[in-house]
Amino acid sequence: MGESQLAHVFVEMADTLVDDFDVIEFLHVLTERCVELLGVSAAGLLLTDQRDTLQVVAASSERTRLLELFQLQTDQGPCLDCFRTGQAVSVVDLPTANRWPRFTAAAAGVGFAAVHALPMRLRSEVIGALNLFDVQPGALDEGKLRIGQALADVATIGLLQQRAIHRRDILAEQLQTALNSRVLIEQAKGVLAERLRVDVGEAFALLRDGARSRNRRLSELSQAIVDGSEQFAPGPAVDRPG
């Protein structure tokens, strides 16, 4: 990766962290930039809700989102261990690691052979984990791991930026709003997939492009699609930053 590309991503992330920023879009961009910068196959992100329960809030692909959900449902996997210990967990070859058998089988089923989980932590408080998946076994070099952790730190600081004023109440409310938005977005994906006869991954891409082209929040447009007040028709593709 070039220094200018790396600098661009950190500036992009910092520019997003303004008052009342769109948490879901911010975290989805984070997973996409991890894939682009670090050369991994996919990325996912888990955050705690107001009851301190981990939830999937962003993923760079549909198969990654489903794998993260499976990990939560079975209560085993490297990303959960990372969250519980507050320490990075790297598994360079899942099949030979002899850990988390159900997760390993599910990961193999969607083509992943290695995983690197990075804590979203500020001092002693851990609010989630950023998870990097690869289709090929092998280590992620230290430089890329440091960049991945730096991106996780940026996201963590963004989510906790008002903590000094309202401490955890604001964080819990913001994260709960993001999780409620996630439910609406999943419903809207299903509506669009059925209406436009596309898969859910393409439906989500169309939904994001539609929100950007209309200058609306993902959750706001999703609510309108679900309640029928928005007769969504996909417009021209919107260029995403690379």
Protein backbone atom coordinates (compact mmCIF):
# COMPACT_ATOMS: atom_id res chain seq x y z
CA MET A 1 0.00 0.00 0.00
CA GLY A 2 1.19 3.54 -0.66
CA GLU A 3 1.62 6.16 2.01
CA SER A 4 -0.79 8.48 0.21
CA GLN A 5 -3.47 5.77 0.14
CA LEU A 6 -3.02 5.12 3.83
CA ALA A 7 -3.13 8.82 4.64
CA HIS A 8 -6.25 9.24 2.52
CA VAL A 9 -8.08 6.53 4.46
CA PHE A 10 -7.22 7.99 7.86
CA VAL A 11 -8.29 11.46 6.70
CA GLU A 12 -11.52 9.97 5.35
CA MET A 13 -12.21 8.27 8.68
CA ALA A 14 -11.41 11.40 10.68
CA ASP A 15 -13.59 13.58 8.45
CA THR A 16 -16.53 11.28 9.13
CA LEU A 17 -16.28 11.71 12.89
CA VAL A 18 -18.43 14.79 13.21
CA ASP A 19 -21.49 15.40 15.35
CA ASP A 20 -24.37 13.03 14.62
CA PHE A 21 -22.39 10.93 12.12
CA ASP A 22 -23.99 7.89 10.47
CA VAL A 23 -22.59 5.05 12.60
CA ILE A 24 -23.63 2.18 10.33
CA GLU A 25 -22.18 3.76 7.18
CA PHE A 26 -18.99 4.73 9.03
CA LEU A 27 -18.45 1.15 10.22
CA HIS A 28 -19.21 -0.35 6.81
CA VAL A 29 -16.65 1.98 5.24
CA LEU A 30 -14.18 0.84 7.91
CA THR A 31 -14.60 -2.83 6.93
CA GLU A 32 -14.22 -2.00 3.24
CA ARG A 33 -11.07 0.04 3.81
CA CYS A 34 -9.56 -2.80 5.85
CA VAL A 35 -10.02 -5.13 2.87
CA GLU A 36 -8.48 -2.58 0.50
CA LEU A 37 -5.54 -1.57 2.69
CA LEU A 38 -4.61 -4.84 4.33
CA GLY A 39 -5.07 -7.24 1.43
CA VAL A 40 -7.45 -9.51 3.38
CA SER A 41 -10.47 -11.19 1.82
CA ALA A 42 -13.13 -9.78 4.14
CA ALA A 43 -13.73 -7.89 7.37
CA GLY A 44 -16.48 -7.84 9.97
CA LEU A 45 -17.20 -5.80 13.06
CA LEU A 46 -18.87 -6.75 16.35
CA LEU A 47 -20.03 -4.21 18.93
CA THR A 48 -21.73 -4.46 22.31
CA ASP A 49 -25.26 -3.18 22.73
CA GLN A 50 -26.67 -1.46 25.82
CA ARG A 51 -26.91 -4.84 27.58
CA ASP A 52 -23.22 -5.56 26.85
CA THR A 53 -24.21 -8.24 24.34
CA LEU A 54 -22.16 -8.51 21.16
CA GLN A 55 -23.95 -7.82 17.88
CA VAL A 56 -22.88 -7.81 14.23
CA VAL A 57 -23.03 -4.22 12.98
CA ALA A 58 -20.93 -4.23 9.79
CA ALA A 59 -19.32 -6.62 7.32
CA SER A 60 -17.65 -6.24 3.95
CA SER A 61 -19.67 -9.11 2.44
CA GLU A 62 -22.82 -11.09 3.11
CA ARG A 63 -20.95 -14.34 3.77
CA THR A 64 -18.86 -12.55 6.40
CA ARG A 65 -21.97 -11.17 8.11
CA LEU A 66 -23.49 -14.66 8.26
CA LEU A 67 -20.28 -16.16 9.65
CA GLU A 68 -20.13 -13.48 12.35
CA LEU A 69 -23.76 -14.23 13.25
CA PHE A 70 -22.97 -17.93 13.46
CA GLN A 71 -20.05 -17.18 15.76
CA LEU A 72 -22.36 -15.28 18.12
CA GLN A 73 -25.05 -17.96 18.00
CA THR A 74 -22.60 -20.74 18.88
CA ASP A 75 -20.74 -18.58 21.40
CA GLN A 76 -17.33 -19.67 20.15
CA GLY A 77 -14.66 -18.26 17.88
CA PRO A 78 -11.57 -16.06 17.71
CA CYS A 79 -13.53 -12.81 17.58
CA LEU A 80 -15.33 -13.62 20.82
CA ASP A 81 -12.04 -14.57 22.47
CA CYS A 82 -10.58 -11.25 21.31
CA PHE A 83 -13.48 -9.31 22.81
CA ARG A 84 -13.40 -11.21 26.10
CA THR A 85 -9.65 -10.87 26.63
CA GLY A 86 -9.13 -7.47 25.02
CA GLN A 87 -6.18 -8.97 23.15
CA ALA A 88 -5.62 -9.59 19.43
CA VAL A 89 -6.17 -13.17 18.29
CA SER A 90 -4.49 -14.40 15.09
CA VAL A 91 -5.06 -17.86 13.65
CA VAL A 92 -2.98 -18.40 10.53
CA ASP A 93 -4.51 -21.78 9.64
CA LEU A 94 -7.92 -22.52 11.14
CA PRO A 95 -8.13 -26.22 10.16
CA THR A 96 -4.87 -27.08 11.92
CA ALA A 97 -5.42 -24.87 14.97
CA ASN A 98 -7.78 -27.37 16.64
CA ARG A 99 -9.81 -24.59 18.23
CA TRP A 100 -13.48 -23.62 17.89
CA PRO A 101 -14.52 -26.67 15.79
CA ARG A 102 -17.97 -25.37 14.86
CA PHE A 103 -16.66 -21.95 13.86
CA THR A 104 -13.79 -23.52 11.90
CA ALA A 105 -16.21 -25.73 9.96
CA ALA A 106 -18.49 -22.77 9.22
CA ALA A 107 -15.53 -20.61 8.13
CA ALA A 108 -14.30 -23.37 5.81
CA GLY A 109 -17.81 -23.62 4.41
CA VAL A 110 -17.66 -20.02 3.19
CA GLY A 111 -14.02 -20.27 2.08
CA PHE A 112 -12.06 -18.70 4.96
CA ALA A 113 -8.84 -20.35 6.20
CA ALA A 114 -7.33 -17.66 8.45
CA VAL A 115 -8.64 -14.98 10.80
CA HIS A 116 -7.14 -12.06 12.71
CA ALA A 117 -9.32 -10.42 15.38
CA LEU A 118 -8.38 -6.99 16.75
CA PRO A 119 -9.93 -5.47 19.90
CA MET A 120 -11.89 -2.23 19.79
CA ARG A 121 -10.56 -0.96 23.06
CA LEU A 122 -9.96 2.32 24.82
CA ARG A 123 -7.73 1.73 27.83
CA SER A 124 -9.54 -0.96 29.84
CA GLU A 125 -12.91 -0.70 28.09
CA VAL A 126 -13.52 -3.11 25.22
CA ILE A 127 -16.60 -2.39 23.11
CA GLY A 128 -16.13 -4.89 20.27
CA ALA A 129 -13.77 -6.51 17.81
CA LEU A 130 -12.64 -5.85 14.23
CA ASN A 131 -12.23 -9.17 12.44
CA LEU A 132 -10.12 -9.81 9.33
CA PHE A 133 -10.67 -12.97 7.28
CA ASP A 134 -8.56 -14.52 4.53
CA VAL A 135 -9.22 -17.32 2.07
CA GLN A 136 -5.58 -18.40 2.19
CA PRO A 137 -3.81 -19.61 5.34
CA GLY A 138 -0.91 -17.47 6.48
CA ALA A 139 0.16 -14.74 8.84
CA LEU A 140 -0.66 -11.07 8.42
CA ASP A 141 2.57 -9.13 8.72
CA GLU A 142 3.14 -6.92 11.74
CA GLY A 143 2.88 -3.71 9.75
CA LYS A 144 -0.59 -4.57 8.48
CA LEU A 145 -1.71 -5.71 11.91
CA ARG A 146 -0.62 -2.35 13.33
CA ILE A 147 -2.57 -0.51 10.65
CA GLY A 148 -5.62 -2.68 11.29
CA GLN A 149 -5.39 -1.93 15.00
CA ALA A 150 -5.00 1.77 14.27
CA LEU A 151 -8.19 1.72 12.19
CA ALA A 152 -9.99 -0.11 15.00
CA ASP A 153 -8.70 2.53 17.43
CA VAL A 154 -10.00 5.35 15.22
CA ALA A 155 -13.44 3.76 15.14
CA THR A 156 -13.40 3.17 18.89
CA ILE A 157 -12.46 6.76 19.64
CA GLY A 158 -15.19 7.95 17.27
CA LEU A 159 -17.83 5.90 19.02
CA LEU A 160 -16.62 7.01 22.43
CA GLN A 161 -15.96 10.66 21.59
CA GLN A 162 -18.77 11.95 23.80
CA ARG A 163 -17.94 9.63 26.66
CA ALA A 164 -16.25 12.38 28.68
CA ILE A 165 -19.54 14.29 28.75
CA HIS A 166 -22.18 11.62 29.15
CA ARG A 167 -19.99 8.56 29.68
CA ARG A 168 -21.57 5.21 28.88
CA ASP A 169 -25.19 6.35 28.53
CA ILE A 170 -24.40 8.16 25.29
CA LEU A 171 -22.40 5.19 23.96
CA ALA A 172 -25.20 2.77 24.82
CA GLU A 173 -27.79 4.97 23.13
CA GLN A 174 -25.65 5.47 20.04
CA LEU A 175 -24.87 1.78 19.70
CA GLN A 176 -28.50 0.81 20.33
CA THR A 177 -29.59 3.25 17.63
CA ALA A 178 -27.07 1.63 15.28
CA LEU A 179 -28.41 -1.83 16.10
CA ASN A 180 -32.02 -0.70 15.59
CA SER A 181 -30.95 0.77 12.26
CA ARG A 182 -29.33 -2.54 11.39
CA VAL A 183 -32.71 -4.30 11.80
CA LEU A 184 -34.37 -1.79 9.47
CA ILE A 185 -31.57 -2.17 6.93
CA GLU A 186 -31.90 -5.97 6.94
CA GLN A 187 -35.64 -5.64 6.35
CA ALA A 188 -35.08 -3.17 3.50
CA LYS A 189 -32.50 -5.49 1.93
CA GLY A 190 -35.09 -8.25 1.90
CA VAL A 191 -37.74 -5.99 0.37
CA LEU A 192 -35.37 -4.81 -2.38
CA ALA A 193 -34.03 -8.30 -3.07
CA GLU A 194 -37.57 -9.58 -3.64
CA ARG A 195 -38.79 -6.51 -5.53
CA LEU A 196 -35.76 -6.21 -7.83
CA ARG A 197 -35.03 -9.95 -8.03
CA VAL A 198 -31.42 -9.60 -6.90
CA ASP A 199 -29.44 -11.27 -4.10
CA VAL A 200 -29.19 -9.59 -0.71
CA GLY A 201 -25.61 -8.49 -1.28
CA GLU A 202 -26.57 -6.59 -4.42
CA ALA A 203 -29.68 -5.25 -2.68
CA PHE A 204 -27.48 -3.76 0.05
CA ALA A 205 -25.14 -2.18 -2.50
CA LEU A 206 -28.16 -0.58 -4.24
CA LEU A 207 -29.51 0.60 -0.90
CA ARG A 208 -26.21 2.29 0.01
CA ASP A 209 -25.91 3.92 -3.41
CA GLY A 210 -29.51 5.12 -3.13
CA ALA A 211 -28.89 6.66 0.29
CA ARG A 212 -25.78 8.45 -0.98
CA SER A 213 -27.40 9.75 -4.16
CA ARG A 214 -30.39 11.03 -2.17
CA ASN A 215 -28.19 12.40 0.64
CA ARG A 216 -30.18 10.39 3.18
CA ARG A 217 -29.17 8.13 6.04
CA LEU A 218 -29.23 4.40 5.40
CA SER A 219 -31.65 3.88 8.28
CA GLU A 220 -33.98 6.67 7.09
CA LEU A 221 -34.16 5.31 3.54
CA SER A 222 -34.56 1.75 4.85
CA GLN A 223 -37.50 2.81 7.03
CA ALA A 224 -39.15 4.47 4.03
CA ILE A 225 -38.68 1.34 1.90
CA VAL A 226 -40.05 -0.93 4.62
CA ASP A 227 -43.12 1.20 5.33
CA GLY A 228 -43.77 1.76 1.61
CA SER A 229 -43.41 5.56 1.58
CA GLU A 230 -40.39 5.26 -0.75
CA GLN A 231 -40.89 3.53 -4.09
CA PHE A 232 -37.22 2.78 -4.50
CA ALA A 233 -35.80 2.59 -8.01
CA PRO A 234 -32.03 2.14 -8.39
CA GLY A 235 -30.33 5.11 -9.99
CA PRO A 236 -26.92 5.49 -11.60
CA ALA A 237 -24.08 3.87 -9.70
CA VAL A 238 -22.29 6.15 -7.25
CA ASP A 239 -18.51 5.99 -7.33
CA ARG A 240 -17.06 4.81 -4.04
CA PRO A 241 -13.72 6.15 -2.86
CA GLY A 242 -10.90 3.72 -3.53
